[in-house]
Amino acid sequence: MQYDPLALFGKRLIELRKARGWSQERLALESGLARSYVGGIERGQRNIALYNICVLAATLGVSPASMLDFDELK
């Protein structure tokens, strides 16, 4: 299986978002990012910038490093 960091990041973001019980729309509103952008990240279609990783991490109440911990994926 090919290692795709964009897809893995998207899956991790979905996991963290759902753990809070939030929709994509809620995450977008709370973070100030566009819902279509959040959706693209979750689908592995966006090469997310470090700044936005930090914004999403702060919004979700986790560390930026934990967002990149793909070993945590269920």
PDB file of N, CA and C in Angstrom:
ATOM      1  N   MET A   1       0.845  -1.188   0.000  1.00  0.00           N
ATOM      2  CA  MET A   1       0.000   0.000   0.000  1.00  0.00           C
ATOM      3  C   MET A   1       0.884   1.243   0.000  1.00  0.00           C
ATOM      4  N   GLN A   2       0.527   2.190  -0.827  1.00  0.00           N
ATOM      5  CA  GLN A   2       1.305   3.412  -0.957  1.00  0.00           C
ATOM      6  C   GLN A   2       0.994   4.367   0.205  1.00  0.00           C
ATOM      7  N   TYR A   3       2.040   4.996   0.709  1.00  0.00           N
ATOM      8  CA  TYR A   3       1.926   5.961   1.802  1.00  0.00           C
ATOM      9  C   TYR A   3       1.516   7.300   1.219  1.00  0.00           C
ATOM     10  N   ASP A   4       0.335   7.760   1.539  1.00  0.00           N
ATOM     11  CA  ASP A   4      -0.177   9.041   1.044  1.00  0.00           C
ATOM     12  C   ASP A   4      -0.444   9.949   2.237  1.00  0.00           C
ATOM     13  N   PRO A   5       0.488  10.860   2.539  1.00  0.00           N
ATOM     14  CA  PRO A   5       0.321  11.702   3.723  1.00  0.00           C
ATOM     15  C   PRO A   5      -0.912  12.599   3.653  1.00  0.00           C
ATOM     16  N   LEU A   6      -1.324  13.017   2.473  1.00  0.00           N
ATOM     17  CA  LEU A   6      -2.516  13.865   2.377  1.00  0.00           C
ATOM     18  C   LEU A   6      -3.767  13.085   2.768  1.00  0.00           C
ATOM     19  N   ALA A   7      -3.863  11.852   2.289  1.00  0.00           N
ATOM     20  CA  ALA A   7      -5.016  11.012   2.646  1.00  0.00           C
ATOM     21  C   ALA A   7      -4.990  10.665   4.128  1.00  0.00           C
ATOM     22  N   LEU A   8      -3.814  10.359   4.663  1.00  0.00           N
ATOM     23  CA  LEU A   8      -3.703  10.027   6.083  1.00  0.00           C
ATOM     24  C   LEU A   8      -4.058  11.227   6.956  1.00  0.00           C
ATOM     25  N   PHE A   9      -3.594  12.414   6.557  1.00  0.00           N
ATOM     26  CA  PHE A   9      -3.938  13.617   7.320  1.00  0.00           C
ATOM     27  C   PHE A   9      -5.445  13.843   7.288  1.00  0.00           C
ATOM     28  N   GLY A  10      -6.038  13.661   6.123  1.00  0.00           N
ATOM     29  CA  GLY A  10      -7.491  13.823   6.006  1.00  0.00           C
ATOM     30  C   GLY A  10      -8.247  12.877   6.912  1.00  0.00           C
ATOM     31  N   LYS A  11      -7.812  11.619   6.966  1.00  0.00           N
ATOM     32  CA  LYS A  11      -8.464  10.637   7.842  1.00  0.00           C
ATOM     33  C   LYS A  11      -8.285  11.023   9.304  1.00  0.00           C
ATOM     34  N   ARG A  12      -7.108  11.519   9.643  1.00  0.00           N
ATOM     35  CA  ARG A  12      -6.858  11.927  11.022  1.00  0.00           C
ATOM     36  C   ARG A  12      -7.731  13.118  11.400  1.00  0.00           C
ATOM     37  N   LEU A  13      -7.878  14.065  10.477  1.00  0.00           N
ATOM     38  CA  LEU A  13      -8.728  15.224  10.734  1.00  0.00           C
ATOM     39  C   LEU A  13     -10.188  14.789  10.942  1.00  0.00           C
ATOM     40  N   ILE A  14     -10.660  13.869  10.122  1.00  0.00           N
ATOM     41  CA  ILE A  14     -12.023  13.359  10.283  1.00  0.00           C
ATOM     42  C   ILE A  14     -12.187  12.737  11.666  1.00  0.00           C
ATOM     43  N   GLU A  15     -11.216  11.928  12.056  1.00  0.00           N
ATOM     44  CA  GLU A  15     -11.261  11.266  13.357  1.00  0.00           C
ATOM     45  C   GLU A  15     -11.345  12.281  14.505  1.00  0.00           C
ATOM     46  N   LEU A  16     -10.494  13.305  14.441  1.00  0.00           N
ATOM     47  CA  LEU A  16     -10.474  14.318  15.499  1.00  0.00           C
ATOM     48  C   LEU A  16     -11.755  15.151  15.507  1.00  0.00           C
ATOM     49  N   ARG A  17     -12.248  15.477  14.325  1.00  0.00           N
ATOM     50  CA  ARG A  17     -13.481  16.261  14.222  1.00  0.00           C
ATOM     51  C   ARG A  17     -14.667  15.473  14.782  1.00  0.00           C
ATOM     52  N   LYS A  18     -14.777  14.223  14.383  1.00  0.00           N
ATOM     53  CA  LYS A  18     -15.901  13.397  14.843  1.00  0.00           C
ATOM     54  C   LYS A  18     -15.816  13.123  16.343  1.00  0.00           C
ATOM     55  N   ALA A  19     -14.602  13.064  16.876  1.00  0.00           N
ATOM     56  CA  ALA A  19     -14.447  12.861  18.324  1.00  0.00           C
ATOM     57  C   ALA A  19     -15.079  14.008  19.102  1.00  0.00           C
ATOM     58  N   ARG A  20     -15.118  15.181  18.497  1.00  0.00           N
ATOM     59  CA  ARG A  20     -15.775  16.338  19.133  1.00  0.00           C
ATOM     60  C   ARG A  20     -17.258  16.401  18.811  1.00  0.00           C
ATOM     61  N   GLY A  21     -17.701  15.543  17.911  1.00  0.00           N
ATOM     62  CA  GLY A  21     -19.109  15.555  17.514  1.00  0.00           C
ATOM     63  C   GLY A  21     -19.447  16.689  16.572  1.00  0.00           C
ATOM     64  N   TRP A  22     -18.450  17.171  15.837  1.00  0.00           N
ATOM     65  CA  TRP A  22     -18.637  18.319  14.948  1.00  0.00           C
ATOM     66  C   TRP A  22     -18.820  17.887  13.501  1.00  0.00           C
ATOM     67  N   SER A  23     -19.594  18.678  12.780  1.00  0.00           N
ATOM     68  CA  SER A  23     -19.721  18.535  11.333  1.00  0.00           C
ATOM     69  C   SER A  23     -18.569  19.299  10.677  1.00  0.00           C
ATOM     70  N   GLN A  24     -18.398  19.075   9.380  1.00  0.00           N
ATOM     71  CA  GLN A  24     -17.411  19.873   8.642  1.00  0.00           C
ATOM     72  C   GLN A  24     -17.754  21.354   8.732  1.00  0.00           C
ATOM     73  N   GLU A  25     -19.023  21.646   8.643  1.00  0.00           N
ATOM     74  CA  GLU A  25     -19.459  23.047   8.696  1.00  0.00           C
ATOM     75  C   GLU A  25     -19.092  23.681  10.039  1.00  0.00           C
ATOM     76  N   ARG A  26     -19.302  22.956  11.117  1.00  0.00           N
ATOM     77  CA  ARG A  26     -18.961  23.489  12.443  1.00  0.00           C
ATOM     78  C   ARG A  26     -17.456  23.722  12.557  1.00  0.00           C
ATOM     79  N   LEU A  27     -16.658  22.763  12.094  1.00  0.00           N
ATOM     80  CA  LEU A  27     -15.203  22.929  12.133  1.00  0.00           C
ATOM     81  C   LEU A  27     -14.787  24.142  11.311  1.00  0.00           C
ATOM     82  N   ALA A  28     -15.399  24.301  10.155  1.00  0.00           N
ATOM     83  CA  ALA A  28     -15.080  25.448   9.307  1.00  0.00           C
ATOM     84  C   ALA A  28     -15.424  26.758  10.013  1.00  0.00           C
ATOM     85  N   LEU A  29     -16.605  26.825  10.609  1.00  0.00           N
ATOM     86  CA  LEU A  29     -17.016  28.038  11.313  1.00  0.00           C
ATOM     87  C   LEU A  29     -16.096  28.352  12.486  1.00  0.00           C
ATOM     88  N   GLU A  30     -15.771  27.347  13.276  1.00  0.00           N
ATOM     89  CA  GLU A  30     -14.922  27.545  14.452  1.00  0.00           C
ATOM     90  C   GLU A  30     -13.491  27.934  14.078  1.00  0.00           C
ATOM     91  N   SER A  31     -12.995  27.399  12.961  1.00  0.00           N
ATOM     92  CA  SER A  31     -11.603  27.638  12.576  1.00  0.00           C
ATOM     93  C   SER A  31     -11.423  28.854  11.668  1.00  0.00           C
ATOM     94  N   GLY A  32     -12.507  29.297  11.042  1.00  0.00           N
ATOM     95  CA  GLY A  32     -12.410  30.407  10.100  1.00  0.00           C
ATOM     96  C   GLY A  32     -11.978  29.973   8.711  1.00  0.00           C
ATOM     97  N   LEU A  33     -11.953  28.673   8.466  1.00  0.00           N
ATOM     98  CA  LEU A  33     -11.599  28.145   7.145  1.00  0.00           C
ATOM     99  C   LEU A  33     -12.873  27.825   6.377  1.00  0.00           C
ATOM    100  N   ALA A  34     -12.796  27.854   5.065  1.00  0.00           N
ATOM    101  CA  ALA A  34     -13.964  27.545   4.238  1.00  0.00           C
ATOM    102  C   ALA A  34     -14.332  26.070   4.364  1.00  0.00           C
ATOM    103  N   ARG A  35     -15.645  25.772   4.383  1.00  0.00           N
ATOM    104  CA  ARG A  35     -16.086  24.392   4.483  1.00  0.00           C
ATOM    105  C   ARG A  35     -15.587  23.561   3.312  1.00  0.00           C
ATOM    106  N   SER A  36     -15.559  24.144   2.119  1.00  0.00           N
ATOM    107  CA  SER A  36     -15.070  23.404   0.953  1.00  0.00           C
ATOM    108  C   SER A  36     -13.582  23.071   1.099  1.00  0.00           C
ATOM    109  N   TYR A  37     -12.832  23.955   1.741  1.00  0.00           N
ATOM    110  CA  TYR A  37     -11.407  23.705   1.988  1.00  0.00           C
ATOM    111  C   TYR A  37     -11.236  22.566   2.994  1.00  0.00           C
ATOM    112  N   VAL A  38     -12.028  22.603   4.069  1.00  0.00           N
ATOM    113  CA  VAL A  38     -11.975  21.532   5.071  1.00  0.00           C
ATOM    114  C   VAL A  38     -12.337  20.202   4.417  1.00  0.00           C
ATOM    115  N   GLY A  39     -13.358  20.202   3.580  1.00  0.00           N
ATOM    116  CA  GLY A  39     -13.753  18.981   2.874  1.00  0.00           C
ATOM    117  C   GLY A  39     -12.641  18.456   1.983  1.00  0.00           C
ATOM    118  N   GLY A  40     -11.964  19.362   1.293  1.00  0.00           N
ATOM    119  CA  GLY A  40     -10.849  18.967   0.426  1.00  0.00           C
ATOM    120  C   GLY A  40      -9.703  18.366   1.220  1.00  0.00           C
ATOM    121  N   ILE A  41      -9.459  18.912   2.397  1.00  0.00           N
ATOM    122  CA  ILE A  41      -8.407  18.369   3.275  1.00  0.00           C
ATOM    123  C   ILE A  41      -8.795  16.953   3.688  1.00  0.00           C
ATOM    124  N   GLU A  42     -10.032  16.780   4.117  1.00  0.00           N
ATOM    125  CA  GLU A  42     -10.481  15.475   4.594  1.00  0.00           C
ATOM    126  C   GLU A  42     -10.477  14.430   3.481  1.00  0.00           C
ATOM    127  N   ARG A  43     -10.678  14.844   2.235  1.00  0.00           N
ATOM    128  CA  ARG A  43     -10.638  13.915   1.109  1.00  0.00           C
ATOM    129  C   ARG A  43      -9.219  13.665   0.608  1.00  0.00           C
ATOM    130  N   GLY A  44      -8.240  14.354   1.212  1.00  0.00           N
ATOM    131  CA  GLY A  44      -6.852  14.186   0.781  1.00  0.00           C
ATOM    132  C   GLY A  44      -6.531  14.891  -0.520  1.00  0.00           C
ATOM    133  N   GLN A  45      -7.310  15.903  -0.854  1.00  0.00           N
ATOM    134  CA  GLN A  45      -7.138  16.631  -2.111  1.00  0.00           C
ATOM    135  C   GLN A  45      -6.395  17.951  -1.948  1.00  0.00           C
ATOM    136  N   ARG A  46      -6.158  18.354  -0.715  1.00  0.00           N
ATOM    137  CA  ARG A  46      -5.482  19.624  -0.446  1.00  0.00           C
ATOM    138  C   ARG A  46      -4.146  19.388   0.233  1.00  0.00           C
ATOM    139  N   ASN A  47      -3.149  20.089  -0.215  1.00  0.00           N
ATOM    140  CA  ASN A  47      -1.838  20.062   0.434  1.00  0.00           C
ATOM    141  C   ASN A  47      -1.839  21.194   1.453  1.00  0.00           C
ATOM    142  N   ILE A  48      -2.277  20.884   2.649  1.00  0.00           N
ATOM    143  CA  ILE A  48      -2.528  21.884   3.688  1.00  0.00           C
ATOM    144  C   ILE A  48      -1.227  22.527   4.179  1.00  0.00           C
ATOM    145  N   ALA A  49      -1.280  23.831   4.386  1.00  0.00           N
ATOM    146  CA  ALA A  49      -0.122  24.583   4.876  1.00  0.00           C
ATOM    147  C   ALA A  49       0.043  24.389   6.382  1.00  0.00           C
ATOM    148  N   LEU A  50       1.254  24.517   6.842  1.00  0.00           N
ATOM    149  CA  LEU A  50       1.559  24.385   8.263  1.00  0.00           C
ATOM    150  C   LEU A  50       0.701  25.341   9.094  1.00  0.00           C
ATOM    151  N   TYR A  51       0.526  26.550   8.621  1.00  0.00           N
ATOM    152  CA  TYR A  51      -0.304  27.523   9.351  1.00  0.00           C
ATOM    153  C   TYR A  51      -1.700  26.974   9.596  1.00  0.00           C
ATOM    154  N   ASN A  52      -2.314  26.386   8.568  1.00  0.00           N
ATOM    155  CA  ASN A  52      -3.667  25.863   8.706  1.00  0.00           C
ATOM    156  C   ASN A  52      -3.717  24.607   9.570  1.00  0.00           C
ATOM    157  N   ILE A  53      -2.643  23.828   9.583  1.00  0.00           N
ATOM    158  CA  ILE A  53      -2.570  22.698  10.510  1.00  0.00           C
ATOM    159  C   ILE A  53      -2.634  23.231  11.937  1.00  0.00           C
ATOM    160  N   CYS A  54      -1.902  24.296  12.201  1.00  0.00           N
ATOM    161  CA  CYS A  54      -1.896  24.903  13.540  1.00  0.00           C
ATOM    162  C   CYS A  54      -3.256  25.491  13.892  1.00  0.00           C
ATOM    163  N   VAL A  55      -3.920  26.114  12.940  1.00  0.00           N
ATOM    164  CA  VAL A  55      -5.257  26.674  13.166  1.00  0.00           C
ATOM    165  C   VAL A  55      -6.240  25.561  13.513  1.00  0.00           C
ATOM    166  N   LEU A  56      -6.220  24.482  12.733  1.00  0.00           N
ATOM    167  CA  LEU A  56      -7.132  23.373  12.995  1.00  0.00           C
ATOM    168  C   LEU A  56      -6.826  22.709  14.333  1.00  0.00           C
ATOM    169  N   ALA A  57      -5.553  22.548  14.642  1.00  0.00           N
ATOM    170  CA  ALA A  57      -5.165  21.937  15.919  1.00  0.00           C
ATOM    171  C   ALA A  57      -5.690  22.770  17.087  1.00  0.00           C
ATOM    172  N   ALA A  58      -5.488  24.079  17.024  1.00  0.00           N
ATOM    173  CA  ALA A  58      -5.962  24.959  18.094  1.00  0.00           C
ATOM    174  C   ALA A  58      -7.484  24.895  18.212  1.00  0.00           C
ATOM    175  N   THR A  59      -8.160  24.861  17.089  1.00  0.00           N
ATOM    176  CA  THR A  59      -9.615  24.798  17.080  1.00  0.00           C
ATOM    177  C   THR A  59     -10.118  23.498  17.710  1.00  0.00           C
ATOM    178  N   LEU A  60      -9.416  22.401  17.430  1.00  0.00           N
ATOM    179  CA  LEU A  60      -9.825  21.099  17.948  1.00  0.00           C
ATOM    180  C   LEU A  60      -9.271  20.815  19.345  1.00  0.00           C
ATOM    181  N   GLY A  61      -8.398  21.700  19.840  1.00  0.00           N
ATOM    182  CA  GLY A  61      -7.845  21.528  21.181  1.00  0.00           C
ATOM    183  C   GLY A  61      -6.812  20.422  21.279  1.00  0.00           C
ATOM    184  N   VAL A  62      -6.057  20.227  20.192  1.00  0.00           N
ATOM    185  CA  VAL A  62      -4.996  19.212  20.177  1.00  0.00           C
ATOM    186  C   VAL A  62      -3.696  19.870  19.720  1.00  0.00           C
ATOM    187  N   SER A  63      -2.598  19.176  19.880  1.00  0.00           N
ATOM    188  CA  SER A  63      -1.322  19.718  19.406  1.00  0.00           C
ATOM    189  C   SER A  63      -1.196  19.493  17.898  1.00  0.00           C
ATOM    190  N   PRO A  64      -0.478  20.369  17.211  1.00  0.00           N
ATOM    191  CA  PRO A  64      -0.250  20.137  15.784  1.00  0.00           C
ATOM    192  C   PRO A  64       0.426  18.787  15.535  1.00  0.00           C
ATOM    193  N   ALA A  65       1.323  18.389  16.419  1.00  0.00           N
ATOM    194  CA  ALA A  65       2.014  17.106  16.242  1.00  0.00           C
ATOM    195  C   ALA A  65       1.039  15.936  16.290  1.00  0.00           C
ATOM    196  N   SER A  66       0.017  16.030  17.139  1.00  0.00           N
ATOM    197  CA  SER A  66      -0.940  14.926  17.233  1.00  0.00           C
ATOM    198  C   SER A  66      -1.756  14.776  15.953  1.00  0.00           C
ATOM    199  N   MET A  67      -1.886  15.857  15.206  1.00  0.00           N
ATOM    200  CA  MET A  67      -2.612  15.775  13.940  1.00  0.00           C
ATOM    201  C   MET A  67      -1.830  14.989  12.902  1.00  0.00           C
ATOM    202  N   LEU A  68      -0.516  14.905  13.119  1.00  0.00           N
ATOM    203  CA  LEU A  68       0.342  14.181  12.180  1.00  0.00           C
ATOM    204  C   LEU A  68       0.687  12.787  12.688  1.00  0.00           C
ATOM    205  N   ASP A  69       0.066  12.375  13.767  1.00  0.00           N
ATOM    206  CA  ASP A  69       0.321  11.057  14.339  1.00  0.00           C
ATOM    207  C   ASP A  69      -0.607  10.050  13.669  1.00  0.00           C
ATOM    208  N   PHE A  70      -0.193   9.583  12.507  1.00  0.00           N
ATOM    209  CA  PHE A  70      -1.015   8.673  11.724  1.00  0.00           C
ATOM    210  C   PHE A  70      -1.092   7.285  12.345  1.00  0.00           C
ATOM    211  N   ASP A  71      -0.213   6.970  13.276  1.00  0.00           N
ATOM    212  CA  ASP A  71      -0.275   5.682  13.960  1.00  0.00           C
ATOM    213  C   ASP A  71      -1.512   5.593  14.840  1.00  0.00           C
ATOM    214  N   GLU A  72      -2.091   6.749  15.168  1.00  0.00           N
ATOM    215  CA  GLU A  72      -3.276   6.792  16.026  1.00  0.00           C
ATOM    216  C   GLU A  72      -4.555   6.473  15.263  1.00  0.00           C
ATOM    217  N   LEU A  73      -4.485   6.381  13.934  1.00  0.00           N
ATOM    218  CA  LEU A  73      -5.692   6.133  13.156  1.00  0.00           C
ATOM    219  C   LEU A  73      -6.295   4.797  13.511  1.00  0.00           C
ATOM    220  N   LYS A  74      -7.595   4.779  13.628  1.00  0.00           N
ATOM    221  CA  LYS A  74      -8.309   3.552  13.994  1.00  0.00           C
ATOM    222  C   LYS A  74      -8.750   2.820  12.761  1.00  0.00           C
TER     223      LYS A  74
END
